[in-house]
């Protein structure tokens, strides 16, 4: 399975980028993965579409996967260093999430 050619990584590494995030978007391209760094909490206020959320530690290990986070919700994972957001239902297990991380992110971005 070649995940890196299936997905495009978009990094939000500035405060305002992370603050606004995906708010106001009518939809999310199923090929886009948004990496919020540093980040350990997200919200879906102002969104109309649900998300899959993957919380990562500094070593890019998957800590927690939420496969369906509805609009107008908050999610956090205290030990997380960054978060991946993508279209809901794209990733449903820690194993799939780790494969996605390995395909998209360099070994050490910290």
Protein backbone atom coordinates (compact mmCIF):
# COMPACT_ATOMS: atom_id res chain seq x y z
CA UNK A 1 0.00 0.00 0.00
CA UNK A 2 1.61 3.30 -1.14
CA UNK A 3 0.10 5.89 1.14
CA UNK A 4 2.48 8.72 0.28
CA UNK A 5 1.22 8.89 -3.31
CA UNK A 6 -2.40 8.69 -2.11
CA UNK A 7 -2.22 11.60 0.34
CA UNK A 8 -0.84 15.14 0.31
CA UNK A 9 0.51 16.52 3.59
CA UNK A 10 -0.35 20.13 4.49
CA UNK A 11 1.41 21.47 7.59
CA UNK A 12 -0.04 24.14 9.86
CA UNK A 13 2.94 25.22 11.98
CA UNK A 14 2.05 28.84 12.70
CA UNK A 15 -0.32 29.99 15.43
CA UNK A 16 -2.91 31.60 13.12
CA UNK A 17 -2.88 28.59 10.76
CA UNK A 18 -3.60 26.27 13.68
CA UNK A 19 -6.20 28.63 15.16
CA UNK A 20 -8.24 28.87 11.95
CA UNK A 21 -7.43 25.37 10.72
CA UNK A 22 -10.26 23.96 8.63
CA UNK A 23 -13.03 26.26 9.91
CA UNK A 24 -15.52 27.37 7.31
CA UNK A 25 -14.60 24.78 4.71
CA UNK A 26 -17.52 23.14 2.96
CA UNK A 27 -15.61 19.91 2.55
CA UNK A 28 -12.21 18.30 2.84
CA UNK A 29 -10.36 16.77 -0.09
CA UNK A 30 -10.06 13.05 0.76
CA UNK A 31 -6.40 13.14 -0.34
CA UNK A 32 -5.37 15.90 2.08
CA UNK A 33 -3.85 15.30 5.51
CA UNK A 34 -3.39 18.34 7.74
CA UNK A 35 -0.54 18.27 10.28
CA UNK A 36 -0.93 20.71 13.19
CA UNK A 37 2.35 21.13 15.03
CA UNK A 38 2.82 21.78 17.91
CA UNK A 39 -0.68 20.84 18.99
CA UNK A 40 -2.38 18.57 21.52
CA UNK A 41 -6.00 19.69 21.20
CA UNK A 42 -8.37 20.52 18.37
CA UNK A 43 -11.94 21.67 17.85
CA UNK A 44 -14.45 21.32 15.05
CA UNK A 45 -16.48 24.47 15.75
CA UNK A 46 -17.38 26.27 12.55
CA UNK A 47 -16.96 23.09 10.53
CA UNK A 48 -19.62 21.23 8.57
CA UNK A 49 -17.75 17.96 8.07
CA UNK A 50 -16.49 15.34 10.54
CA UNK A 51 -12.79 14.46 10.85
CA UNK A 52 -10.51 11.57 11.58
CA UNK A 53 -7.96 12.78 14.17
CA UNK A 54 -4.59 11.18 14.93
CA UNK A 55 -2.62 12.35 17.97
CA UNK A 56 1.17 11.88 17.77
CA UNK A 57 4.04 12.20 20.23
CA UNK A 58 7.40 13.88 19.43
CA UNK A 59 8.75 10.63 18.00
CA UNK A 60 5.71 10.50 15.67
CA UNK A 61 4.25 7.47 17.40
CA UNK A 62 0.49 7.21 17.24
CA UNK A 63 -0.98 7.86 20.68
CA UNK A 64 -4.68 7.91 19.88
CA UNK A 65 -7.00 7.75 16.87
CA UNK A 66 -10.50 9.22 16.71
CA UNK A 67 -12.02 7.87 13.51
CA UNK A 68 -15.08 10.16 13.60
CA UNK A 69 -15.09 13.55 15.30
CA UNK A 70 -18.35 15.36 14.55
CA UNK A 71 -18.64 19.13 14.01
CA UNK A 72 -18.87 21.34 17.14
CA UNK A 73 -16.70 19.02 19.27
CA UNK A 74 -13.38 19.27 21.11
CA UNK A 75 -10.72 16.58 21.37
CA UNK A 76 -7.38 16.53 23.15
CA UNK A 77 -4.66 14.16 24.21
CA UNK A 78 -2.45 15.61 26.89
CA UNK A 79 0.76 13.81 25.87
CA UNK A 80 0.41 14.68 22.17
CA UNK A 81 2.93 16.88 20.40
CA UNK A 82 1.12 17.12 17.07
CA UNK A 83 -2.15 16.18 15.39
CA UNK A 84 -3.10 14.88 11.97
CA UNK A 85 -6.58 15.73 10.66
CA UNK A 86 -8.18 14.14 7.63
CA UNK A 87 -11.56 13.28 6.20
CA UNK A 88 -13.63 11.14 8.59
CA UNK A 89 -13.43 7.41 8.03
CA UNK A 90 -10.11 7.54 6.17
CA UNK A 91 -8.19 5.80 8.97
CA UNK A 92 -9.88 3.50 11.48
CA UNK A 93 -7.05 1.86 13.45
CA UNK A 94 -3.72 2.65 15.09
CA UNK A 95 -2.03 0.34 12.59
CA UNK A 96 -3.40 2.28 9.60
CA UNK A 97 -2.52 5.55 11.32
CA UNK A 98 1.09 4.49 11.90
CA UNK A 99 1.39 3.42 8.25
CA UNK A 100 0.14 6.85 7.20
CA UNK A 101 2.61 8.61 9.51
CA UNK A 102 5.50 6.50 8.20
CA UNK A 103 4.57 7.32 4.60
CA UNK A 104 4.06 11.07 5.06
CA UNK A 105 6.32 12.34 7.81
CA UNK A 106 10.10 12.29 8.12
CA UNK A 107 11.57 10.17 10.88
CA UNK A 108 12.48 13.12 13.10
CA UNK A 109 10.79 16.50 12.71
CA UNK A 110 11.15 17.56 16.36
